[in-house]
């Protein structure tokens, strides 16, 4: 991340909302230390940081309950972390394998695609939409106010 990008980020959200870099290691994601941590105070801070990241090809990772315990797909780099934990925002990721939906059914008509895909799925079958929606309902519910994992890996 260039110093120019840091300046743009400071202009977007305010320099007082950028954590002192000496504390960035505390916000490591999968062993990756972010270049900047944005301390979110308002919804506008989130959109401003995301806009800056998008315009500068930066990787953004939300930080909430369980973020540091990634079990799913890890980013190859983390440029900016958005600290959402103080607002009691949980960060959960569902990492399913191939899910059968009306949109994906057309791919399953191709026998070679179906065989090759199934060979790469440990369970040996495609996920059904109802299986994924159950995980979404659980993670969004009060039954999951504190869940020590942030990735439900269906594959």
Protein backbone atom coordinates (compact mmCIF):
# COMPACT_ATOMS: atom_id res chain seq x y z
CA UNK A 1 0.00 0.00 0.00
CA UNK A 2 1.51 3.28 -1.04
CA UNK A 3 1.73 6.36 1.14
CA UNK A 4 -0.56 8.01 -1.40
CA UNK A 5 -3.21 5.37 -0.67
CA UNK A 6 -2.84 5.92 3.07
CA UNK A 7 -3.39 9.64 2.46
CA UNK A 8 -6.49 8.88 0.37
CA UNK A 9 -7.81 6.60 3.12
CA UNK A 10 -7.14 9.27 5.75
CA UNK A 11 -8.97 11.83 3.59
CA UNK A 12 -11.90 9.45 3.12
CA UNK A 13 -12.50 8.53 6.77
CA UNK A 14 -10.29 10.94 8.72
CA UNK A 15 -6.77 10.43 10.04
CA UNK A 16 -8.11 10.02 13.58
CA UNK A 17 -9.92 6.83 12.48
CA UNK A 18 -6.76 5.12 11.21
CA UNK A 19 -5.15 3.02 13.93
CA UNK A 20 -1.50 3.70 14.70
CA UNK A 21 0.39 1.13 12.58
CA UNK A 22 2.27 -0.20 15.62
CA UNK A 23 -1.03 -1.89 16.62
CA UNK A 24 -1.83 -3.43 13.23
CA UNK A 25 -0.41 -6.84 14.15
CA UNK A 26 -3.27 -7.29 16.65
CA UNK A 27 -5.59 -7.32 13.61
CA UNK A 28 -3.76 -10.04 11.71
CA UNK A 29 -5.97 -12.24 9.55
CA UNK A 30 -4.57 -15.69 8.89
CA UNK A 31 -1.09 -14.42 9.79
CA UNK A 32 -1.37 -11.46 7.41
CA UNK A 33 -0.83 -8.09 9.07
CA UNK A 34 -2.95 -5.34 7.48
CA UNK A 35 -1.38 -2.14 6.20
CA UNK A 36 -4.12 -0.06 7.80
CA UNK A 37 -6.91 -0.55 10.34
CA UNK A 38 -9.95 1.71 10.10
CA UNK A 39 -11.76 2.29 13.39
CA UNK A 40 -15.36 2.54 12.22
CA UNK A 41 -17.51 5.16 13.94
CA UNK A 42 -20.34 5.63 11.41
CA UNK A 43 -21.84 3.72 8.50
CA UNK A 44 -20.36 6.37 6.22
CA UNK A 45 -16.87 5.29 7.34
CA UNK A 46 -17.50 1.81 5.95
CA UNK A 47 -18.64 3.04 2.55
CA UNK A 48 -15.83 5.62 2.36
CA UNK A 49 -13.17 3.01 3.17
CA UNK A 50 -14.66 0.52 0.69
CA UNK A 51 -14.80 3.17 -2.04
CA UNK A 52 -11.15 4.08 -1.46
CA UNK A 53 -10.15 0.41 -1.46
CA UNK A 54 -12.08 -0.27 -4.64
CA UNK A 55 -10.51 2.67 -6.46
CA UNK A 56 -7.02 1.59 -5.38
CA UNK A 57 -7.28 -2.19 -5.78
CA UNK A 58 -6.91 -2.86 -2.05
CA UNK A 59 -8.07 -5.93 -0.13
CA UNK A 60 -10.47 -5.15 2.72
CA UNK A 61 -11.27 -7.53 5.56
CA UNK A 62 -14.06 -6.90 8.07
CA UNK A 63 -13.10 -7.43 11.72
CA UNK A 64 -15.74 -8.70 14.10
CA UNK A 65 -16.37 -11.60 16.40
CA UNK A 66 -14.36 -14.59 15.20
CA UNK A 67 -12.48 -12.95 12.34
CA UNK A 68 -9.08 -14.03 13.60
CA UNK A 69 -10.12 -17.68 13.47
CA UNK A 70 -10.42 -18.03 9.69
CA UNK A 71 -11.08 -21.61 8.62
CA UNK A 72 -12.27 -20.93 5.08
CA UNK A 73 -10.63 -19.12 2.22
CA UNK A 74 -7.83 -16.85 3.35
CA UNK A 75 -6.95 -13.77 1.38
CA UNK A 76 -3.48 -13.62 -0.16
CA UNK A 77 -3.05 -10.18 1.36
CA UNK A 78 -4.89 -7.82 3.70
CA UNK A 79 -4.47 -4.12 3.05
CA UNK A 80 -7.24 -2.64 5.19
CA UNK A 81 -9.16 -4.05 8.15
CA UNK A 82 -12.49 -2.49 9.11
CA UNK A 83 -12.95 -2.84 12.89
CA UNK A 84 -16.65 -3.63 13.37
CA UNK A 85 -16.42 -5.52 16.67
CA UNK A 86 -17.29 -2.60 18.94
CA UNK A 87 -20.68 -2.42 17.23
CA UNK A 88 -21.33 -6.08 18.07
CA UNK A 89 -21.18 -6.96 14.38
CA UNK A 90 -20.32 -10.59 13.84
CA UNK A 91 -18.29 -11.53 10.79
CA UNK A 92 -19.17 -14.98 9.47
CA UNK A 93 -18.37 -16.65 6.20
CA UNK A 94 -20.09 -19.61 4.62
CA UNK A 95 -17.81 -21.48 2.23
CA UNK A 96 -19.95 -24.04 0.45
CA UNK A 97 -18.93 -26.26 -2.37
CA UNK A 98 -20.94 -26.28 -5.60
CA UNK A 99 -24.60 -25.56 -4.67
CA UNK A 100 -27.52 -26.77 -6.78
CA UNK A 101 -29.65 -23.75 -7.66
CA UNK A 102 -31.86 -22.91 -10.64
CA UNK A 103 -28.88 -20.99 -12.07
CA UNK A 104 -26.31 -23.79 -11.61
CA UNK A 105 -28.52 -26.70 -12.77
CA UNK A 106 -27.61 -25.98 -16.39
CA UNK A 107 -23.94 -26.81 -15.63
CA UNK A 108 -24.94 -30.19 -14.22
CA UNK A 109 -26.31 -31.24 -17.60
CA UNK A 110 -22.69 -31.45 -18.78
CA UNK A 111 -21.64 -34.94 -17.63
CA UNK A 112 -17.91 -34.18 -17.78
CA UNK A 113 -18.33 -31.02 -15.71
CA UNK A 114 -20.51 -32.87 -13.20
CA UNK A 115 -18.03 -35.77 -12.86
CA UNK A 116 -14.97 -33.48 -12.53
CA UNK A 117 -16.70 -31.27 -9.99
CA UNK A 118 -17.90 -34.19 -7.87
CA UNK A 119 -14.37 -35.64 -7.88
CA UNK A 120 -13.19 -32.47 -6.12
CA UNK A 121 -15.85 -32.48 -3.40
CA UNK A 122 -14.90 -34.55 -0.32
CA UNK A 123 -18.54 -35.39 0.46
CA UNK A 124 -19.00 -36.68 -3.10
CA UNK A 125 -22.22 -34.75 -3.69
CA UNK A 126 -23.43 -31.24 -4.43
CA UNK A 127 -24.83 -29.05 -1.70
CA UNK A 128 -28.53 -28.32 -1.73
CA UNK A 129 -29.76 -24.77 -1.30
CA UNK A 130 -31.68 -25.77 1.85
CA UNK A 131 -28.41 -26.93 3.48
CA UNK A 132 -26.75 -23.57 2.88
CA UNK A 133 -29.80 -21.53 3.85
CA UNK A 134 -29.91 -23.37 7.20
CA UNK A 135 -26.35 -22.22 7.93
CA UNK A 136 -27.25 -18.66 6.95
CA UNK A 137 -30.31 -18.67 9.23
CA UNK A 138 -28.24 -20.01 12.14
CA UNK A 139 -25.37 -17.54 11.70
CA UNK A 140 -27.79 -14.60 11.44
CA UNK A 141 -29.90 -15.68 14.42
CA UNK A 142 -29.68 -14.96 18.14
CA UNK A 143 -28.71 -18.63 18.57
CA UNK A 144 -25.35 -17.56 17.17
CA UNK A 145 -24.65 -14.47 19.28
CA UNK A 146 -21.24 -15.86 20.07
CA UNK A 147 -19.93 -18.47 17.72
CA UNK A 148 -16.20 -19.11 18.01
CA UNK A 149 -15.73 -19.84 14.29
CA UNK A 150 -16.12 -17.48 11.38
CA UNK A 151 -16.26 -19.96 8.53
CA UNK A 152 -18.69 -22.79 8.01
CA UNK A 153 -16.92 -24.89 5.40
CA UNK A 154 -19.46 -27.06 3.62
CA UNK A 155 -16.90 -28.60 1.21
